[in-house]
Amino acid sequence: MPVRPICAERVAQAQLHYSHCALCEHRCGIDRAHETGLCKAGIEARVYRHRVEYGEEVELTPSHLFYLSGCDLRCAFCIAEANAFDPSRGQPLSAEFLTQAVTWGRRRGARNIQWVGGEPTIHIPAILSAMAGCIDLPLVVWKSDFHGTPESFELLRGVVDVYVADFKFGNDACAGRIAGVERYLSIVTRNLHIAAAQSRLIIRHLLLPGHFDCCYRPIVAWMRRELPDVRFNVRDGYLPRWRARHDADLAQPLDRTVGLRARALAAENDLNLVLEG
């Protein structure tokens, strides 16, 4: 169903995080108008690219993706590379910019707008403000690393039509070493349950070379136990990017047979596997 209008009270509630930020689980608690935390973001969100894309799940395409700079994770293999970690890149997000962009996207057949990154969660106040000033929004898709807080998901309640979650790692050790984050598994799995209760949810996993047993198998086991009916998209398009060359496993491209093995394992566990995208 289409998103409901975003009230001024919701926007104001979100903007409280500018003075004491708890949007992601780093919980820096900083005043973003005067200092920056790990994500380096201030009070202005910037879009470094937006375009209509066809490589998403078939139920989402064509999708109008808005790429925001800045992120709360530091994944060594990040395909966005420097754009993900420098929140000063791109043009400022505003209601006027979004309104014009949405009109442009609709003319090209977009069925929804999709917030991606970097990581959109660190920019919730600016995104809500821009959407509140945009008349006749299409469906809203929220693609996230799911390292947000319960507070951030509460701000998105009734606003997001579809969550797309990147379930990156199957254990805390790999998450800490590759993405620089602690308590990854408990945080992400908690948030997956929150999102599943709020709206439609699609869970993605990008297969990483050398991480089939340590990451993919545990994710499949968790999905079967906790959210077996949620759409699960296994992605096998990994290529070494950003700083992946410094890791012996990640420096290699993914073997072509891994995707076949991964989908077979998901099917054996009766997961709701996405075959497209």
Protein backbone atom coordinates (compact mmCIF):
# COMPACT_ATOMS: atom_id res chain seq x y z
CA MET A 1 0.00 0.00 0.00
CA PRO A 2 1.23 3.55 -0.65
CA VAL A 3 2.97 5.34 2.19
CA ARG A 4 0.91 7.61 4.42
CA PRO A 5 1.72 11.34 4.57
CA ILE A 6 4.66 12.08 6.85
CA CYS A 7 3.62 14.49 9.57
CA ALA A 8 5.71 17.34 10.93
CA GLU A 9 5.81 15.64 14.33
CA ARG A 10 7.55 12.60 12.84
CA VAL A 11 10.13 14.80 11.15
CA ALA A 12 10.75 16.74 14.36
CA GLN A 13 11.14 13.51 16.31
CA ALA A 14 13.73 12.32 13.82
CA GLN A 15 15.62 15.61 13.96
CA LEU A 16 16.20 15.14 17.69
CA HIS A 17 18.91 12.70 16.62
CA TYR A 18 20.89 15.61 15.20
CA SER A 19 21.61 16.76 18.75
CA HIS A 20 22.10 13.30 20.28
CA CYS A 21 22.40 10.69 17.54
CA ALA A 22 21.22 7.13 18.12
CA LEU A 23 20.19 6.20 14.59
CA CYS A 24 22.67 3.34 14.25
CA GLU A 25 24.01 0.94 16.84
CA HIS A 26 27.27 2.79 17.22
CA ARG A 27 25.10 5.15 19.30
CA CYS A 28 27.64 7.96 19.17
CA GLY A 29 25.30 10.35 20.97
CA ILE A 30 26.96 13.32 19.29
CA ASP A 31 25.65 16.73 18.28
CA ARG A 32 25.83 16.34 14.51
CA ALA A 33 25.64 20.09 13.92
CA HIS A 34 29.06 20.49 15.53
CA GLU A 35 30.84 17.13 15.45
CA THR A 36 30.83 13.83 13.59
CA GLY A 37 30.81 10.20 14.64
CA LEU A 38 32.04 7.11 12.82
CA CYS A 39 29.78 7.72 9.82
CA LYS A 40 31.14 11.31 9.48
CA ALA A 41 27.66 12.59 8.58
CA GLY A 42 26.40 15.97 9.69
CA ILE A 43 22.85 17.27 9.39
CA GLU A 44 22.81 17.40 5.59
CA ALA A 45 22.19 14.33 3.45
CA ARG A 46 23.64 14.22 -0.06
CA VAL A 47 22.68 12.16 -3.09
CA TYR A 48 25.69 11.23 -5.20
CA ARG A 49 23.63 9.40 -7.86
CA HIS A 50 20.04 8.61 -8.72
CA ARG A 51 18.81 6.50 -11.60
CA VAL A 52 16.14 4.02 -12.64
CA GLU A 53 17.50 0.48 -12.41
CA TYR A 54 16.34 -2.97 -13.51
CA GLY A 55 18.72 -5.23 -11.57
CA GLU A 56 16.63 -5.38 -8.39
CA GLU A 57 14.18 -8.12 -7.46
CA VAL A 58 11.54 -8.56 -10.15
CA GLU A 59 8.76 -7.38 -7.83
CA LEU A 60 10.55 -4.06 -7.39
CA THR A 61 11.72 -3.17 -10.89
CA PRO A 62 11.90 -0.70 -12.46
CA SER A 63 13.11 0.98 -9.27
CA HIS A 64 14.34 4.56 -8.88
CA LEU A 65 17.42 4.32 -6.65
CA PHE A 66 18.72 7.27 -4.64
CA TYR A 67 22.33 6.73 -3.54
CA LEU A 68 23.24 8.64 -0.39
CA SER A 69 26.86 9.18 0.61
CA GLY A 70 28.02 8.22 4.10
CA CYS A 71 27.81 4.90 5.94
CA ASP A 72 27.99 3.46 9.45
CA LEU A 73 29.83 0.29 8.37
CA ARG A 74 33.28 0.00 6.82
CA CYS A 75 32.98 -3.10 4.64
CA ALA A 76 36.31 -3.79 2.96
CA PHE A 77 34.60 -4.98 -0.24
CA CYS A 78 32.16 -2.05 -0.61
CA ILE A 79 31.15 -1.62 -4.24
CA ALA A 80 30.37 2.08 -3.68
CA GLU A 81 33.96 2.57 -2.50
CA ALA A 82 34.78 6.17 -1.51
CA ASN A 83 31.23 7.38 -2.17
CA ALA A 84 29.97 5.24 0.69
CA PHE A 85 32.30 6.74 3.26
CA ASP A 86 32.46 10.42 2.32
CA PRO A 87 29.12 12.09 3.22
CA SER A 88 30.19 15.34 1.52
CA ARG A 89 29.80 13.80 -1.95
CA GLY A 90 26.78 14.60 -4.11
CA GLN A 91 24.08 17.22 -4.07
CA PRO A 92 22.01 18.13 -1.01
CA LEU A 93 18.75 16.23 -0.54
CA SER A 94 15.72 18.53 -0.33
CA ALA A 95 12.00 18.33 -0.95
CA GLU A 96 12.43 20.31 -4.17
CA PHE A 97 15.18 18.02 -5.45
CA LEU A 98 13.17 14.91 -4.55
CA THR A 99 9.98 16.18 -6.17
CA GLN A 100 11.77 16.88 -9.44
CA ALA A 101 13.62 13.56 -9.33
CA VAL A 102 10.44 11.57 -8.63
CA THR A 103 8.75 13.19 -11.64
CA TRP A 104 11.80 12.31 -13.76
CA GLY A 105 11.73 8.71 -12.53
CA ARG A 106 8.02 8.24 -13.12
CA ARG A 107 8.45 9.31 -16.73
CA ARG A 108 10.93 6.47 -17.09
CA GLY A 109 8.60 3.87 -15.64
CA ALA A 110 9.84 3.68 -12.04
CA ARG A 111 7.40 1.84 -9.76
CA ASN A 112 8.98 3.04 -6.51
CA ILE A 113 11.76 5.07 -4.98
CA GLN A 114 14.49 3.17 -3.20
CA TRP A 115 16.82 4.68 -0.62
CA VAL A 116 20.27 3.12 -0.74
CA GLY A 117 23.77 4.12 0.23
CA GLY A 118 26.16 4.22 1.68
CA GLU A 119 23.51 3.77 4.32
CA PRO A 120 20.20 5.66 4.41
CA THR A 121 19.54 5.02 8.12
CA ILE A 122 22.08 7.63 9.20
CA HIS A 123 20.11 10.16 7.12
CA ILE A 124 16.58 9.37 8.34
CA PRO A 125 15.84 12.96 9.48
CA ALA A 126 16.77 14.47 6.10
CA ILE A 127 14.98 11.73 4.15
CA LEU A 128 11.76 12.09 6.14
CA SER A 129 11.92 15.87 5.75
CA ALA A 130 12.37 15.61 1.98
CA MET A 131 9.59 13.04 1.61
CA ALA A 132 7.24 15.09 3.79
CA GLY A 133 7.58 17.94 1.31
CA CYS A 134 7.07 15.77 -1.77
CA ILE A 135 3.46 15.44 -2.95
CA ASP A 136 2.26 12.08 -4.28
CA LEU A 137 5.19 9.88 -3.34
CA PRO A 138 5.41 6.45 -4.97
CA LEU A 139 6.04 3.32 -2.92
CA VAL A 140 9.10 3.56 -0.68
CA VAL A 141 11.79 0.87 -0.56
CA TRP A 142 14.44 1.01 2.15
CA LYS A 143 17.67 -0.85 1.36
CA SER A 144 19.83 -1.04 4.44
CA ASP A 145 22.69 -2.79 6.21
CA PHE A 146 20.22 -3.20 9.12
CA HIS A 147 22.65 -1.89 11.70
CA GLY A 148 20.06 0.65 12.81
CA THR A 149 18.50 0.99 16.24
CA PRO A 150 14.92 0.19 17.30
CA GLU A 151 14.45 3.96 17.51
CA SER A 152 15.32 4.37 13.84
CA PHE A 153 12.92 1.61 12.79
CA GLU A 154 10.17 3.24 14.83
CA LEU A 155 10.71 6.44 12.84
CA LEU A 156 10.19 4.43 9.64
CA ARG A 157 7.05 2.64 10.83
CA GLY A 158 4.22 3.29 8.37
CA VAL A 159 6.60 5.08 6.01
CA VAL A 160 8.46 2.20 4.34
CA ASP A 161 6.55 -0.17 2.07
CA VAL A 162 9.36 -2.66 1.48
CA TYR A 163 12.55 -3.27 3.43
CA VAL A 164 15.53 -4.77 1.58
CA ALA A 165 18.05 -6.02 4.14
CA ASP A 166 21.68 -6.85 3.46
CA PHE A 167 22.39 -9.82 5.74
CA LYS A 168 26.13 -9.68 5.17
CA PHE A 169 27.76 -11.96 7.76
CA GLY A 170 26.81 -15.12 9.62
CA ASN A 171 28.98 -14.45 12.67
CA ASP A 172 30.41 -11.59 14.70
CA ALA A 173 34.06 -12.40 14.00
CA CYS A 174 33.77 -11.93 10.23
CA ALA A 175 31.67 -8.79 10.70
CA GLY A 176 34.23 -7.28 13.04
CA ARG A 177 37.19 -8.07 10.83
CA ILE A 178 35.63 -7.07 7.50
CA ALA A 179 33.15 -4.33 8.42
CA GLY A 180 34.51 -2.97 11.70
CA VAL A 181 31.33 -3.55 13.70
CA GLU A 182 30.61 -5.36 16.98
CA ARG A 183 27.61 -7.49 18.00
CA TYR A 184 26.62 -7.70 14.36
CA LEU A 185 24.53 -10.86 14.45
CA SER A 186 22.33 -9.95 17.41
CA ILE A 187 21.72 -6.44 16.07
CA VAL A 188 20.84 -7.46 12.52
CA THR A 189 18.66 -10.42 13.46
CA ARG A 190 16.75 -8.28 15.97
CA ASN A 191 16.13 -5.71 13.26
CA LEU A 192 15.03 -8.31 10.73
CA HIS A 193 12.27 -9.34 13.12
CA ILE A 194 11.27 -5.69 13.61
CA ALA A 195 11.12 -5.06 9.86
CA ALA A 196 9.18 -8.28 9.18
CA ALA A 197 6.55 -7.15 11.68
CA GLN A 198 6.31 -3.68 10.12
CA SER A 199 6.22 -4.23 6.39
CA ARG A 200 7.25 -6.44 3.49
CA LEU A 201 10.81 -7.69 3.83
CA ILE A 202 13.35 -9.03 1.36
CA ILE A 203 16.62 -10.37 2.72
CA ARG A 204 19.70 -10.35 0.52
CA HIS A 205 23.03 -12.06 1.00
CA LEU A 206 26.04 -11.32 -1.17
CA LEU A 207 28.15 -14.45 -1.32
CA LEU A 208 31.75 -13.74 -0.35
CA PRO A 209 34.70 -15.89 -1.47
CA GLY A 210 35.87 -18.09 1.39
CA HIS A 211 32.80 -17.40 3.54
CA PHE A 212 30.37 -20.15 2.53
CA ASP A 213 30.66 -22.17 5.73
CA CYS A 214 31.32 -19.39 8.23
CA CYS A 215 28.73 -16.91 6.95
CA TYR A 216 26.31 -18.36 4.39
CA ARG A 217 25.45 -21.62 6.14
CA PRO A 218 24.61 -19.92 9.46
CA ILE A 219 22.43 -17.38 7.66
CA VAL A 220 20.48 -20.14 5.90
CA ALA A 221 20.04 -21.97 9.22
CA TRP A 222 18.80 -18.79 10.90
CA MET A 223 16.41 -18.02 8.05
CA ARG A 224 14.93 -21.52 8.18
CA ARG A 225 14.45 -21.27 11.93
CA GLU A 226 13.25 -17.68 12.25
CA LEU A 227 11.91 -16.24 8.97
CA PRO A 228 11.41 -19.10 6.49
CA ASP A 229 8.67 -17.35 4.52
CA VAL A 230 10.56 -14.10 3.93
CA ARG A 231 11.90 -13.61 0.41
CA PHE A 232 15.60 -14.52 0.29
CA ASN A 233 17.84 -13.32 -2.52
CA VAL A 234 21.24 -14.95 -2.93
CA ARG A 235 23.58 -12.64 -4.85
CA ASP A 236 26.61 -14.13 -6.61
CA GLY A 237 27.97 -11.06 -8.38
CA TYR A 238 30.83 -10.38 -5.98
CA LEU A 239 33.96 -8.73 -7.37
CA PRO A 240 36.96 -7.49 -5.37
CA ARG A 241 36.46 -3.76 -4.76
CA TRP A 242 37.60 -0.99 -2.44
CA ARG A 243 40.09 -2.54 0.02
CA ALA A 244 39.29 -6.20 -0.62
CA ARG A 245 42.76 -6.71 -2.07
CA HIS A 246 44.16 -6.65 1.47
CA ASP A 247 42.23 -9.81 2.41
CA ALA A 248 43.42 -13.17 1.05
CA ASP A 249 39.87 -14.48 0.49
CA LEU A 250 38.15 -11.27 -0.56
CA ALA A 251 40.88 -10.40 -3.05
CA GLN A 252 39.63 -13.23 -5.28
CA PRO A 253 36.52 -13.16 -7.48
CA LEU A 254 33.75 -15.55 -6.50
CA ASP A 255 33.96 -19.01 -8.03
CA ARG A 256 31.08 -19.55 -10.47
CA THR A 257 29.99 -22.75 -8.76
CA VAL A 258 29.37 -21.10 -5.39
CA GLY A 259 26.12 -19.50 -6.47
CA LEU A 260 24.74 -22.86 -7.60
CA ARG A 261 25.72 -24.46 -4.30
CA ALA A 262 24.20 -21.61 -2.35
CA ARG A 263 20.84 -21.74 -4.11
CA ALA A 264 20.74 -25.51 -3.76
CA LEU A 265 21.29 -25.20 0.00
CA ALA A 266 18.55 -22.57 0.28
CA ALA A 267 16.16 -24.82 -1.65
CA GLU A 268 17.03 -27.80 0.55
CA ASN A 269 16.07 -25.70 3.55
CA ASP A 270 12.75 -24.67 1.97
CA LEU A 271 13.57 -20.97 1.94
CA ASN A 272 11.49 -18.56 -0.13
CA LEU A 273 14.23 -18.07 -2.68
CA VAL A 274 14.23 -15.20 -5.14
CA LEU A 275 15.24 -16.58 -8.52
CA GLU A 276 15.54 -13.23 -10.28
CA GLY A 277 17.69 -10.16 -9.73
